[in-house]
């Protein structure tokens, strides 16, 4: 089989994570006319995966990754900056096989050793659409900062980076600021930078290393479903130094957008992957699977943004990832022959206004 078919098959494996190879192949080919081709065996499909390798999937992800929203798309920009966020997860489970253990090791938790080797995934997300600008992954023994540094080149003077307190190391803040990006990052509350100048909105200017920073202290509260009120203290550091153009209260509200990447990772890890353990017994196969998952995730987000932008002024948050995923599954099984001219298009529930 051609390698191009192998790439389609790998994306389909991510689309149907709970099914075996042959059943996924049946789903992938269900909408095709019967041209008399023999159904491949599971061994043939495994051999196809090995022949394709991880590099084409990594390259494909790098092609589809990037900003999805227009500057006018609701929620995409704050003033002239596109809001983006770093975050990671270490809950991507790999099979407990010797070669995987040699690469990933095992993670220790409060209750002992984790049951599976874990991959740490780090992503840079466009918060307005939850699309991915980039991603890296590897053994969980390396911290989030180690992986985030590999994505700093994706920042620019046109971005505003939102990040949690795991990214507040002095050298990381300086490296992120050196890209020209603006920053709005939560500090560990134990950090108490010196007050160099107090500002009328309650924020103050300070230095973190050589970097000039404005500090905003805020109390953020929420009411849980059972009526309990939960609050926490947030100390935010920003390179937006002018309290007149960027009031403290405005930046505190903007920081809420950071949680969009939490939703993105949840959709990737739980809605798309359904919490399933990856299939591969070796690092090369694991890399291939993760790049395929990331590619499929980004393609679904792209389709969602294209759909909502067909109605001017619609916020991408209104689009359902679950509906997009189910529409993609339906389209693969019941869609038109992709080899037929004119068959490509946005078809199904995701392409119709609700």
C-alpha atoms as a PDB file:
ATOM      1  CA  UNK A   1       0.000   0.000   0.000  1.00  0.00           C
ATOM      2  CA  UNK A   2       1.206   3.556  -0.679  1.00  0.00           C
ATOM      3  CA  UNK A   3       2.626   5.522   2.240  1.00  0.00           C
ATOM      4  CA  UNK A   4      -0.113   8.114   1.705  1.00  0.00           C
ATOM      5  CA  UNK A   5      -2.645   5.435   2.649  1.00  0.00           C
ATOM      6  CA  UNK A   6      -0.537   4.726   5.731  1.00  0.00           C
ATOM      7  CA  UNK A   7      -0.893   8.370   6.824  1.00  0.00           C
ATOM      8  CA  UNK A   8      -4.686   8.190   6.355  1.00  0.00           C
ATOM      9  CA  UNK A   9      -4.716   4.986   8.379  1.00  0.00           C
ATOM     10  CA  UNK A  10      -2.703   6.531  11.221  1.00  0.00           C
ATOM     11  CA  UNK A  11      -5.097   9.477  11.430  1.00  0.00           C
ATOM     12  CA  UNK A  12      -7.991   7.021  11.460  1.00  0.00           C
ATOM     13  CA  UNK A  13      -6.372   5.132  14.350  1.00  0.00           C
ATOM     14  CA  UNK A  14      -6.559   8.385  16.327  1.00  0.00           C
ATOM     15  CA  UNK A  15     -10.138   8.943  15.214  1.00  0.00           C
ATOM     16  CA  UNK A  16     -11.178   5.498  16.503  1.00  0.00           C
ATOM     17  CA  UNK A  17      -8.828   4.908  19.479  1.00  0.00           C
ATOM     18  CA  UNK A  18     -10.760   2.018  21.015  1.00  0.00           C
ATOM     19  CA  UNK A  19     -10.846  -0.130  17.863  1.00  0.00           C
ATOM     20  CA  UNK A  20      -8.294  -2.619  16.557  1.00  0.00           C
ATOM     21  CA  UNK A  21      -6.380  -2.228  13.313  1.00  0.00           C
ATOM     22  CA  UNK A  22      -8.696  -4.209  11.038  1.00  0.00           C
ATOM     23  CA  UNK A  23     -11.869  -2.569  12.366  1.00  0.00           C
ATOM     24  CA  UNK A  24     -10.317   0.873  11.896  1.00  0.00           C
ATOM     25  CA  UNK A  25      -9.420  -0.103   8.326  1.00  0.00           C
ATOM     26  CA  UNK A  26     -13.025  -1.160   7.750  1.00  0.00           C
ATOM     27  CA  UNK A  27     -14.228   2.248   9.000  1.00  0.00           C
ATOM     28  CA  UNK A  28     -11.704   4.052   6.821  1.00  0.00           C
ATOM     29  CA  UNK A  29     -12.743   2.226   3.652  1.00  0.00           C
ATOM     30  CA  UNK A  30     -16.487   1.835   4.323  1.00  0.00           C
ATOM     31  CA  UNK A  31     -17.439   4.759   2.079  1.00  0.00           C
ATOM     32  CA  UNK A  32     -15.244   3.712  -0.833  1.00  0.00           C
ATOM     33  CA  UNK A  33     -16.620   1.866  -3.845  1.00  0.00           C
ATOM     34  CA  UNK A  34     -15.735  -1.825  -3.936  1.00  0.00           C
ATOM     35  CA  UNK A  35     -12.810  -2.009  -6.352  1.00  0.00           C
ATOM     36  CA  UNK A  36     -11.987  -5.605  -5.566  1.00  0.00           C
ATOM     37  CA  UNK A  37      -9.046  -4.854  -3.250  1.00  0.00           C
ATOM     38  CA  UNK A  38      -8.228  -7.495  -0.651  1.00  0.00           C
ATOM     39  CA  UNK A  39      -8.713  -6.554   2.985  1.00  0.00           C
ATOM     40  CA  UNK A  40      -5.229  -6.219   4.573  1.00  0.00           C
ATOM     41  CA  UNK A  41      -4.309  -8.344   7.569  1.00  0.00           C
ATOM     42  CA  UNK A  42      -3.430  -6.870  10.943  1.00  0.00           C
ATOM     43  CA  UNK A  43       0.232  -7.739  10.284  1.00  0.00           C
ATOM     44  CA  UNK A  44       0.134  -5.879   6.964  1.00  0.00           C
ATOM     45  CA  UNK A  45      -1.278  -2.803   8.705  1.00  0.00           C
ATOM     46  CA  UNK A  46       1.391  -2.987  11.411  1.00  0.00           C
ATOM     47  CA  UNK A  47       4.064  -3.238   8.716  1.00  0.00           C
ATOM     48  CA  UNK A  48       2.520  -0.209   6.986  1.00  0.00           C
ATOM     49  CA  UNK A  49       2.813   1.796  10.215  1.00  0.00           C
ATOM     50  CA  UNK A  50       6.463   0.837  10.605  1.00  0.00           C
ATOM     51  CA  UNK A  51       7.240   1.781   7.026  1.00  0.00           C
ATOM     52  CA  UNK A  52       5.653   5.235   7.367  1.00  0.00           C
ATOM     53  CA  UNK A  53       7.444   6.065  10.643  1.00  0.00           C
ATOM     54  CA  UNK A  54       6.898   9.220  12.738  1.00  0.00           C
ATOM     55  CA  UNK A  55       8.526  11.872  10.516  1.00  0.00           C
ATOM     56  CA  UNK A  56       5.646  12.306   7.992  1.00  0.00           C
ATOM     57  CA  UNK A  57       3.156  12.751  10.850  1.00  0.00           C
ATOM     58  CA  UNK A  58       5.401  15.262  12.612  1.00  0.00           C
ATOM     59  CA  UNK A  59       5.803  17.168   9.349  1.00  0.00           C
ATOM     60  CA  UNK A  60       2.060  17.081   8.736  1.00  0.00           C
ATOM     61  CA  UNK A  61       1.387  18.508  12.197  1.00  0.00           C
ATOM     62  CA  UNK A  62       3.895  21.300  11.628  1.00  0.00           C
ATOM     63  CA  UNK A  63       2.070  22.155   8.396  1.00  0.00           C
ATOM     64  CA  UNK A  64      -1.411  22.360   9.961  1.00  0.00           C
ATOM     65  CA  UNK A  65      -0.291  23.927  13.281  1.00  0.00           C
ATOM     66  CA  UNK A  66      -0.611  27.671  13.669  1.00  0.00           C
ATOM     67  CA  UNK A  67      -3.098  30.446  14.392  1.00  0.00           C
ATOM     68  CA  UNK A  68      -6.638  29.678  13.244  1.00  0.00           C
ATOM     69  CA  UNK A  69      -8.598  32.820  14.085  1.00  0.00           C
ATOM     70  CA  UNK A  70      -8.626  36.142  12.297  1.00  0.00           C
ATOM     71  CA  UNK A  71      -7.743  39.244  14.351  1.00  0.00           C
ATOM     72  CA  UNK A  72     -11.442  40.156  14.202  1.00  0.00           C
ATOM     73  CA  UNK A  73     -12.565  36.734  15.514  1.00  0.00           C
ATOM     74  CA  UNK A  74     -14.096  37.165  18.995  1.00  0.00           C
ATOM     75  CA  UNK A  75     -11.697  36.203  21.787  1.00  0.00           C
ATOM     76  CA  UNK A  76      -8.600  35.859  19.586  1.00  0.00           C
ATOM     77  CA  UNK A  77      -6.853  39.157  20.359  1.00  0.00           C
ATOM     78  CA  UNK A  78      -6.408  41.517  23.263  1.00  0.00           C
ATOM     79  CA  UNK A  79      -5.867  44.928  21.695  1.00  0.00           C
ATOM     80  CA  UNK A  80      -3.255  44.276  18.979  1.00  0.00           C
ATOM     81  CA  UNK A  81      -1.867  41.045  20.467  1.00  0.00           C
ATOM     82  CA  UNK A  82      -2.971  37.469  19.769  1.00  0.00           C
ATOM     83  CA  UNK A  83      -3.393  35.733  23.156  1.00  0.00           C
ATOM     84  CA  UNK A  84      -1.573  32.409  23.479  1.00  0.00           C
ATOM     85  CA  UNK A  85      -0.912  30.096  26.419  1.00  0.00           C
ATOM     86  CA  UNK A  86       1.551  27.416  27.490  1.00  0.00           C
ATOM     87  CA  UNK A  87       0.525  24.331  29.410  1.00  0.00           C
ATOM     88  CA  UNK A  88       1.343  20.658  29.583  1.00  0.00           C
ATOM     89  CA  UNK A  89       0.039  17.346  30.803  1.00  0.00           C
ATOM     90  CA  UNK A  90       1.742  14.126  31.830  1.00  0.00           C
ATOM     91  CA  UNK A  91      -1.278  11.832  31.563  1.00  0.00           C
ATOM     92  CA  UNK A  92      -0.567  10.363  28.106  1.00  0.00           C
ATOM     93  CA  UNK A  93      -0.248   6.650  28.900  1.00  0.00           C
ATOM     94  CA  UNK A  94       2.077   4.306  27.027  1.00  0.00           C
ATOM     95  CA  UNK A  95       1.991   0.494  27.200  1.00  0.00           C
ATOM     96  CA  UNK A  96       4.105  -1.001  29.994  1.00  0.00           C
ATOM     97  CA  UNK A  97       6.686  -2.510  27.632  1.00  0.00           C
ATOM     98  CA  UNK A  98      10.457  -2.710  28.030  1.00  0.00           C
ATOM     99  CA  UNK A  99      11.394  -0.329  25.205  1.00  0.00           C
ATOM    100  CA  UNK A 100       8.836   2.229  26.376  1.00  0.00           C
ATOM    101  CA  UNK A 101      10.149   1.971  29.938  1.00  0.00           C
ATOM    102  CA  UNK A 102      13.714   2.476  28.730  1.00  0.00           C
ATOM    103  CA  UNK A 103      12.641   5.750  27.112  1.00  0.00           C
ATOM    104  CA  UNK A 104      10.038   7.061  29.536  1.00  0.00           C
ATOM    105  CA  UNK A 105      10.780   5.389  32.855  1.00  0.00           C
ATOM    106  CA  UNK A 106       7.968   5.316  35.397  1.00  0.00           C
ATOM    107  CA  UNK A 107       6.482   8.259  37.231  1.00  0.00           C
ATOM    108  CA  UNK A 108       6.125   8.354  40.991  1.00  0.00           C
ATOM    109  CA  UNK A 109       2.869   9.673  42.454  1.00  0.00           C
ATOM    110  CA  UNK A 110       1.721  10.322  46.022  1.00  0.00           C
ATOM    111  CA  UNK A 111       0.455   6.742  46.125  1.00  0.00           C
ATOM    112  CA  UNK A 112       3.567   5.108  44.644  1.00  0.00           C
ATOM    113  CA  UNK A 113       4.694   4.329  41.100  1.00  0.00           C
ATOM    114  CA  UNK A 114       2.304   5.065  38.230  1.00  0.00           C
ATOM    115  CA  UNK A 115       0.812   2.041  36.511  1.00  0.00           C
ATOM    116  CA  UNK A 116       1.949   3.074  33.027  1.00  0.00           C
ATOM    117  CA  UNK A 117       4.930   4.929  31.579  1.00  0.00           C
ATOM    118  CA  UNK A 118       3.799   8.509  30.961  1.00  0.00           C
ATOM    119  CA  UNK A 119       4.563  10.964  28.173  1.00  0.00           C
ATOM    120  CA  UNK A 120       4.733  14.654  29.047  1.00  0.00           C
ATOM    121  CA  UNK A 121       3.068  16.772  26.368  1.00  0.00           C
ATOM    122  CA  UNK A 122       3.648  20.529  26.159  1.00  0.00           C
ATOM    123  CA  UNK A 123       1.583  22.761  23.866  1.00  0.00           C
ATOM    124  CA  UNK A 124       1.361  26.405  22.878  1.00  0.00           C
ATOM    125  CA  UNK A 125      -2.284  27.217  22.250  1.00  0.00           C
ATOM    126  CA  UNK A 126      -4.151  30.091  20.642  1.00  0.00           C
ATOM    127  CA  UNK A 127      -6.616  30.744  23.458  1.00  0.00           C
ATOM    128  CA  UNK A 128      -9.350  32.236  21.281  1.00  0.00           C
ATOM    129  CA  UNK A 129      -9.765  29.082  19.164  1.00  0.00           C
ATOM    130  CA  UNK A 130      -7.928  26.441  21.247  1.00  0.00           C
ATOM    131  CA  UNK A 131      -5.888  25.670  18.147  1.00  0.00           C
ATOM    132  CA  UNK A 132      -2.264  24.614  18.564  1.00  0.00           C
ATOM    133  CA  UNK A 133       0.650  26.741  17.439  1.00  0.00           C
ATOM    134  CA  UNK A 134       3.103  23.995  18.348  1.00  0.00           C
ATOM    135  CA  UNK A 135       3.726  21.015  20.608  1.00  0.00           C
ATOM    136  CA  UNK A 136       6.583  18.878  21.912  1.00  0.00           C
ATOM    137  CA  UNK A 137       6.652  15.805  24.114  1.00  0.00           C
ATOM    138  CA  UNK A 138       8.947  13.314  25.787  1.00  0.00           C
ATOM    139  CA  UNK A 139       9.712  11.655  29.126  1.00  0.00           C
ATOM    140  CA  UNK A 140       7.873  13.080  32.149  1.00  0.00           C
ATOM    141  CA  UNK A 141      11.174  13.292  34.059  1.00  0.00           C
ATOM    142  CA  UNK A 142      11.766  16.637  32.322  1.00  0.00           C
ATOM    143  CA  UNK A 143       9.715  19.532  33.679  1.00  0.00           C
ATOM    144  CA  UNK A 144       7.301  21.765  31.813  1.00  0.00           C
ATOM    145  CA  UNK A 145       9.860  24.568  31.503  1.00  0.00           C
ATOM    146  CA  UNK A 146      12.276  22.249  29.676  1.00  0.00           C
ATOM    147  CA  UNK A 147       9.709  21.540  26.961  1.00  0.00           C
ATOM    148  CA  UNK A 148       8.221  25.061  26.846  1.00  0.00           C
ATOM    149  CA  UNK A 149      11.638  26.505  26.003  1.00  0.00           C
ATOM    150  CA  UNK A 150      11.574  24.440  22.811  1.00  0.00           C
ATOM    151  CA  UNK A 151       8.459  26.364  21.712  1.00  0.00           C
ATOM    152  CA  UNK A 152       9.583  29.898  22.555  1.00  0.00           C
ATOM    153  CA  UNK A 153      10.508  30.535  18.915  1.00  0.00           C
ATOM    154  CA  UNK A 154       6.758  30.516  18.148  1.00  0.00           C
ATOM    155  CA  UNK A 155       6.254  33.683  20.193  1.00  0.00           C
ATOM    156  CA  UNK A 156       6.602  37.069  18.514  1.00  0.00           C
ATOM    157  CA  UNK A 157       5.934  40.792  19.057  1.00  0.00           C
ATOM    158  CA  UNK A 158       2.369  40.031  17.894  1.00  0.00           C
ATOM    159  CA  UNK A 159       1.588  37.649  20.791  1.00  0.00           C
ATOM    160  CA  UNK A 160       0.604  38.005  24.441  1.00  0.00           C
ATOM    161  CA  UNK A 161       1.650  34.950  26.446  1.00  0.00           C
ATOM    162  CA  UNK A 162      -0.518  33.710  29.322  1.00  0.00           C
ATOM    163  CA  UNK A 163       0.986  31.074  31.615  1.00  0.00           C
ATOM    164  CA  UNK A 164       0.574  29.564  35.061  1.00  0.00           C
ATOM    165  CA  UNK A 165       3.034  29.715  37.953  1.00  0.00           C
ATOM    166  CA  UNK A 166       5.019  26.732  36.675  1.00  0.00           C
ATOM    167  CA  UNK A 167       6.562  29.113  34.115  1.00  0.00           C
ATOM    168  CA  UNK A 168       7.697  31.913  36.447  1.00  0.00           C
ATOM    169  CA  UNK A 169      11.429  31.142  36.623  1.00  0.00           C
ATOM    170  CA  UNK A 170      13.516  34.286  36.063  1.00  0.00           C
ATOM    171  CA  UNK A 171      15.396  32.880  33.084  1.00  0.00           C
ATOM    172  CA  UNK A 172      12.185  31.655  31.452  1.00  0.00           C
ATOM    173  CA  UNK A 173      10.506  35.059  31.848  1.00  0.00           C
ATOM    174  CA  UNK A 174      13.553  36.747  30.319  1.00  0.00           C
ATOM    175  CA  UNK A 175      13.734  34.263  27.431  1.00  0.00           C
ATOM    176  CA  UNK A 176      10.023  34.702  26.677  1.00  0.00           C
ATOM    177  CA  UNK A 177      10.322  38.509  26.815  1.00  0.00           C
ATOM    178  CA  UNK A 178      13.340  38.383  24.495  1.00  0.00           C
ATOM    179  CA  UNK A 179      11.062  37.075  21.721  1.00  0.00           C
ATOM    180  CA  UNK A 180       9.262  40.429  21.772  1.00  0.00           C
ATOM    181  CA  UNK A 181       6.061  38.868  23.095  1.00  0.00           C
ATOM    182  CA  UNK A 182       4.113  40.548  25.883  1.00  0.00           C
ATOM    183  CA  UNK A 183       3.682  38.456  29.049  1.00  0.00           C
ATOM    184  CA  UNK A 184       0.913  37.903  31.609  1.00  0.00           C
ATOM    185  CA  UNK A 185       2.144  35.110  33.857  1.00  0.00           C
ATOM    186  CA  UNK A 186       1.090  33.973  37.306  1.00  0.00           C
ATOM    187  CA  UNK A 187       3.863  33.999  39.905  1.00  0.00           C
ATOM    188  CA  UNK A 188       4.265  31.667  42.821  1.00  0.00           C
ATOM    189  CA  UNK A 189       2.568  33.589  45.670  1.00  0.00           C
ATOM    190  CA  UNK A 190       5.674  33.103  47.838  1.00  0.00           C
ATOM    191  CA  UNK A 191       7.545  35.422  45.500  1.00  0.00           C
ATOM    192  CA  UNK A 192       7.395  38.984  46.844  1.00  0.00           C
ATOM    193  CA  UNK A 193       9.152  41.311  44.391  1.00  0.00           C
ATOM    194  CA  UNK A 194      10.246  44.671  45.718  1.00  0.00           C
ATOM    195  CA  UNK A 195       7.913  47.604  45.084  1.00  0.00           C
ATOM    196  CA  UNK A 196       9.748  50.159  42.915  1.00  0.00           C
ATOM    197  CA  UNK A 197       6.705  52.288  42.073  1.00  0.00           C
ATOM    198  CA  UNK A 198       3.093  51.974  43.199  1.00  0.00           C
ATOM    199  CA  UNK A 199       0.432  52.634  40.561  1.00  0.00           C
ATOM    200  CA  UNK A 200      -3.081  54.096  41.034  1.00  0.00           C
ATOM    201  CA  UNK A 201      -4.892  50.844  40.147  1.00  0.00           C
ATOM    202  CA  UNK A 202      -3.179  48.919  42.965  1.00  0.00           C
ATOM    203  CA  UNK A 203      -0.484  47.325  40.792  1.00  0.00           C
ATOM    204  CA  UNK A 204       3.200  48.175  41.104  1.00  0.00           C
ATOM    205  CA  UNK A 205       6.390  48.137  39.084  1.00  0.00           C
ATOM    206  CA  UNK A 206       9.363  45.961  39.961  1.00  0.00           C
ATOM    207  CA  UNK A 207      12.360  44.160  38.472  1.00  0.00           C
ATOM    208  CA  UNK A 208      12.708  40.400  38.042  1.00  0.00           C
ATOM    209  CA  UNK A 209      16.362  40.064  37.155  1.00  0.00           C
ATOM    210  CA  UNK A 210      16.917  42.804  34.570  1.00  0.00           C
ATOM    211  CA  UNK A 211      13.321  42.547  33.301  1.00  0.00           C
ATOM    212  CA  UNK A 212      10.967  45.404  34.150  1.00  0.00           C
ATOM    213  CA  UNK A 213       7.661  43.929  35.310  1.00  0.00           C
ATOM    214  CA  UNK A 214       4.329  45.121  36.641  1.00  0.00           C
ATOM    215  CA  UNK A 215       2.780  43.082  39.471  1.00  0.00           C
ATOM    216  CA  UNK A 216      -0.985  42.697  39.952  1.00  0.00           C
ATOM    217  CA  UNK A 217      -2.351  41.034  43.100  1.00  0.00           C
ATOM    218  CA  UNK A 218      -5.871  39.647  42.782  1.00  0.00           C
ATOM    219  CA  UNK A 219      -8.291  37.449  44.686  1.00  0.00           C
ATOM    220  CA  UNK A 220     -10.187  35.184  42.286  1.00  0.00           C
ATOM    221  CA  UNK A 221     -13.341  33.486  43.583  1.00  0.00           C
ATOM    222  CA  UNK A 222     -15.841  31.065  42.110  1.00  0.00           C
ATOM    223  CA  UNK A 223     -19.032  29.382  43.269  1.00  0.00           C
ATOM    224  CA  UNK A 224     -19.121  25.599  42.849  1.00  0.00           C
ATOM    225  CA  UNK A 225     -22.132  23.635  41.704  1.00  0.00           C
ATOM    226  CA  UNK A 226     -23.086  22.803  45.292  1.00  0.00           C
ATOM    227  CA  UNK A 227     -22.999  26.476  46.285  1.00  0.00           C
ATOM    228  CA  UNK A 228     -19.600  26.548  48.018  1.00  0.00           C
ATOM    229  CA  UNK A 229     -17.453  29.609  47.379  1.00  0.00           C
ATOM    230  CA  UNK A 230     -13.782  28.901  46.610  1.00  0.00           C
ATOM    231  CA  UNK A 231     -11.138  31.596  46.295  1.00  0.00           C
ATOM    232  CA  UNK A 232      -7.406  31.835  45.718  1.00  0.00           C
ATOM    233  CA  UNK A 233      -4.789  34.565  45.636  1.00  0.00           C
ATOM    234  CA  UNK A 234      -3.173  35.269  42.278  1.00  0.00           C
ATOM    235  CA  UNK A 235      -0.021  37.322  41.765  1.00  0.00           C
ATOM    236  CA  UNK A 236       0.307  38.189  38.090  1.00  0.00           C
ATOM    237  CA  UNK A 237       3.432  39.524  36.389  1.00  0.00           C
ATOM    238  CA  UNK A 238       3.069  41.416  33.128  1.00  0.00           C
ATOM    239  CA  UNK A 239       5.241  43.351  30.717  1.00  0.00           C
ATOM    240  CA  UNK A 240       2.254  45.632  30.001  1.00  0.00           C
ATOM    241  CA  UNK A 241       3.484  48.434  32.231  1.00  0.00           C
ATOM    242  CA  UNK A 242       0.986  51.221  31.531  1.00  0.00           C
ATOM    243  CA  UNK A 243      -1.931  51.092  33.995  1.00  0.00           C
ATOM    244  CA  UNK A 244      -3.884  53.579  31.871  1.00  0.00           C
ATOM    245  CA  UNK A 245      -4.023  51.499  28.685  1.00  0.00           C
ATOM    246  CA  UNK A 246      -4.056  48.145  30.504  1.00  0.00           C
ATOM    247  CA  UNK A 247      -5.857  48.516  33.865  1.00  0.00           C
ATOM    248  CA  UNK A 248      -5.249  45.823  36.479  1.00  0.00           C
ATOM    249  CA  UNK A 249      -8.896  44.720  36.514  1.00  0.00           C
ATOM    250  CA  UNK A 250      -8.836  44.272  32.718  1.00  0.00           C
ATOM    251  CA  UNK A 251      -5.718  42.091  32.863  1.00  0.00           C
ATOM    252  CA  UNK A 252      -7.149  39.969  35.689  1.00  0.00           C
ATOM    253  CA  UNK A 253     -10.204  39.278  33.530  1.00  0.00           C
ATOM    254  CA  UNK A 254      -7.945  38.576  30.540  1.00  0.00           C
ATOM    255  CA  UNK A 255      -5.949  36.022  32.549  1.00  0.00           C
ATOM    256  CA  UNK A 256      -9.073  33.847  32.660  1.00  0.00           C
ATOM    257  CA  UNK A 257      -8.355  33.095  28.997  1.00  0.00           C
ATOM    258  CA  UNK A 258      -5.395  30.985  30.118  1.00  0.00           C
ATOM    259  CA  UNK A 259      -7.826  28.246  31.108  1.00  0.00           C
ATOM    260  CA  UNK A 260      -8.713  27.769  27.448  1.00  0.00           C
ATOM    261  CA  UNK A 261      -5.610  25.622  27.069  1.00  0.00           C
ATOM    262  CA  UNK A 262      -6.863  23.401  29.902  1.00  0.00           C
ATOM    263  CA  UNK A 263      -9.977  22.795  27.802  1.00  0.00           C
ATOM    264  CA  UNK A 264      -7.800  22.151  24.751  1.00  0.00           C
ATOM    265  CA  UNK A 265      -5.735  19.511  26.555  1.00  0.00           C
ATOM    266  CA  UNK A 266      -8.886  17.913  27.955  1.00  0.00           C
ATOM    267  CA  UNK A 267     -10.354  17.652  24.457  1.00  0.00           C
ATOM    268  CA  UNK A 268      -7.117  16.158  23.134  1.00  0.00           C
ATOM    269  CA  UNK A 269      -6.467  13.701  25.926  1.00  0.00           C
ATOM    270  CA  UNK A 270      -9.972  12.680  26.977  1.00  0.00           C
ATOM    271  CA  UNK A 271     -12.525  13.549  24.279  1.00  0.00           C
ATOM    272  CA  UNK A 272     -10.358  12.558  21.307  1.00  0.00           C
ATOM    273  CA  UNK A 273      -8.166   9.860  22.861  1.00  0.00           C
ATOM    274  CA  UNK A 274     -10.943   8.746  25.235  1.00  0.00           C
ATOM    275  CA  UNK A 275      -8.328   8.171  27.946  1.00  0.00           C
ATOM    276  CA  UNK A 276      -7.025   5.142  26.048  1.00  0.00           C
ATOM    277  CA  UNK A 277      -3.489   3.842  26.478  1.00  0.00           C
ATOM    278  CA  UNK A 278      -1.454   4.338  23.292  1.00  0.00           C
ATOM    279  CA  UNK A 279      -0.983   1.272  21.102  1.00  0.00           C
ATOM    280  CA  UNK A 280       2.763   1.143  20.484  1.00  0.00           C
ATOM    281  CA  UNK A 281       5.355  -0.979  22.284  1.00  0.00           C
ATOM    282  CA  UNK A 282       8.343   1.148  21.205  1.00  0.00           C
ATOM    283  CA  UNK A 283       9.277   4.861  21.253  1.00  0.00           C
ATOM    284  CA  UNK A 284       9.153   5.257  17.461  1.00  0.00           C
ATOM    285  CA  UNK A 285       5.562   4.057  17.372  1.00  0.00           C
ATOM    286  CA  UNK A 286       4.616   6.249  20.329  1.00  0.00           C
ATOM    287  CA  UNK A 287       6.026   9.332  18.614  1.00  0.00           C
ATOM    288  CA  UNK A 288       4.090   8.467  15.477  1.00  0.00           C
ATOM    289  CA  UNK A 289       0.830   8.083  17.425  1.00  0.00           C
ATOM    290  CA  UNK A 290       1.167  11.336  19.341  1.00  0.00           C
ATOM    291  CA  UNK A 291       1.946  13.330  16.182  1.00  0.00           C
ATOM    292  CA  UNK A 292      -1.096  11.736  14.522  1.00  0.00           C
ATOM    293  CA  UNK A 293      -3.306  12.695  17.490  1.00  0.00           C
ATOM    294  CA  UNK A 294      -2.014  16.264  17.465  1.00  0.00           C
ATOM    295  CA  UNK A 295      -2.580  16.531  13.699  1.00  0.00           C
ATOM    296  CA  UNK A 296      -6.124  15.213  13.945  1.00  0.00           C
ATOM    297  CA  UNK A 297      -6.890  17.537  16.854  1.00  0.00           C
ATOM    298  CA  UNK A 298      -5.678  20.569  14.862  1.00  0.00           C
ATOM    299  CA  UNK A 299      -7.625  19.546  11.766  1.00  0.00           C
ATOM    300  CA  UNK A 300     -10.813  19.296  13.840  1.00  0.00           C
ATOM    301  CA  UNK A 301     -10.185  22.725  15.385  1.00  0.00           C
ATOM    302  CA  UNK A 302      -9.590  24.152  11.904  1.00  0.00           C
ATOM    303  CA  UNK A 303     -12.922  22.769  10.689  1.00  0.00           C
ATOM    304  CA  UNK A 304     -14.652  24.193  13.771  1.00  0.00           C
ATOM    305  CA  UNK A 305     -13.222  27.679  13.225  1.00  0.00           C
ATOM    306  CA  UNK A 306     -14.099  27.572   9.516  1.00  0.00           C
ATOM    307  CA  UNK A 307     -17.663  26.630  10.455  1.00  0.00           C
ATOM    308  CA  UNK A 308     -18.190  29.357  13.082  1.00  0.00           C
ATOM    309  CA  UNK A 309     -16.617  32.035  10.891  1.00  0.00           C
ATOM    310  CA  UNK A 310     -19.303  31.374   8.281  1.00  0.00           C
ATOM    311  CA  UNK A 311     -21.545  33.375  10.653  1.00  0.00           C
ATOM    312  CA  UNK A 312     -19.852  36.724  11.304  1.00  0.00           C
ATOM    313  CA  UNK A 313     -19.184  37.560  14.931  1.00  0.00           C
ATOM    314  CA  UNK A 314     -19.572  34.011  16.267  1.00  0.00           C
ATOM    315  CA  UNK A 315     -17.222  33.115  19.110  1.00  0.00           C
ATOM    316  CA  UNK A 316     -15.281  29.863  18.432  1.00  0.00           C
ATOM    317  CA  UNK A 317     -16.075  28.839  22.029  1.00  0.00           C
ATOM    318  CA  UNK A 318     -19.612  28.109  20.842  1.00  0.00           C
ATOM    319  CA  UNK A 319     -18.420  25.225  18.655  1.00  0.00           C
ATOM    320  CA  UNK A 320     -18.550  21.749  20.227  1.00  0.00           C
ATOM    321  CA  UNK A 321     -15.433  19.610  19.930  1.00  0.00           C
ATOM    322  CA  UNK A 322     -17.518  16.490  20.609  1.00  0.00           C
ATOM    323  CA  UNK A 323     -19.872  17.285  17.724  1.00  0.00           C
ATOM    324  CA  UNK A 324     -16.908  17.999  15.427  1.00  0.00           C
ATOM    325  CA  UNK A 325     -15.333  14.666  16.397  1.00  0.00           C
ATOM    326  CA  UNK A 326     -18.536  12.700  15.817  1.00  0.00           C
ATOM    327  CA  UNK A 327     -19.107  14.514  12.516  1.00  0.00           C
ATOM    328  CA  UNK A 328     -15.587  13.533  11.412  1.00  0.00           C
ATOM    329  CA  UNK A 329     -16.234   9.900  12.331  1.00  0.00           C
ATOM    330  CA  UNK A 330     -19.532   9.930  10.415  1.00  0.00           C
ATOM    331  CA  UNK A 331     -17.865  11.562   7.429  1.00  0.00           C
ATOM    332  CA  UNK A 332     -15.088   8.945   7.291  1.00  0.00           C
ATOM    333  CA  UNK A 333     -17.569   6.065   7.416  1.00  0.00           C
ATOM    334  CA  UNK A 334     -20.357   7.454   5.252  1.00  0.00           C
ATOM    335  CA  UNK A 335     -18.659  10.244   3.314  1.00  0.00           C
ATOM    336  CA  UNK A 336     -18.140  10.423  -0.446  1.00  0.00           C
ATOM    337  CA  UNK A 337     -15.257   8.792  -2.243  1.00  0.00           C
ATOM    338  CA  UNK A 338     -12.322  11.182  -1.601  1.00  0.00           C
ATOM    339  CA  UNK A 339     -10.766  10.180  -4.910  1.00  0.00           C
ATOM    340  CA  UNK A 340     -13.799  11.467  -6.823  1.00  0.00           C
ATOM    341  CA  UNK A 341     -13.365  15.016  -8.165  1.00  0.00           C
ATOM    342  CA  UNK A 342     -15.366  17.576  -6.202  1.00  0.00           C
ATOM    343  CA  UNK A 343     -15.949  15.285  -3.230  1.00  0.00           C
ATOM    344  CA  UNK A 344     -13.982  17.392  -0.761  1.00  0.00           C
ATOM    345  CA  UNK A 345     -16.002  19.892   1.277  1.00  0.00           C
ATOM    346  CA  UNK A 346     -17.431  20.673   4.679  1.00  0.00           C
ATOM    347  CA  UNK A 347     -20.241  18.160   4.929  1.00  0.00           C
ATOM    348  CA  UNK A 348     -22.402  17.057   7.830  1.00  0.00           C
ATOM    349  CA  UNK A 349     -23.437  18.605  11.121  1.00  0.00           C
ATOM    350  CA  UNK A 350     -20.324  20.738  11.539  1.00  0.00           C
ATOM    351  CA  UNK A 351     -20.930  22.407   8.166  1.00  0.00           C
ATOM    352  CA  UNK A 352     -24.543  23.390   8.868  1.00  0.00           C
ATOM    353  CA  UNK A 353     -25.575  26.341  11.026  1.00  0.00           C
ATOM    354  CA  UNK A 354     -27.480  25.195  14.110  1.00  0.00           C
END
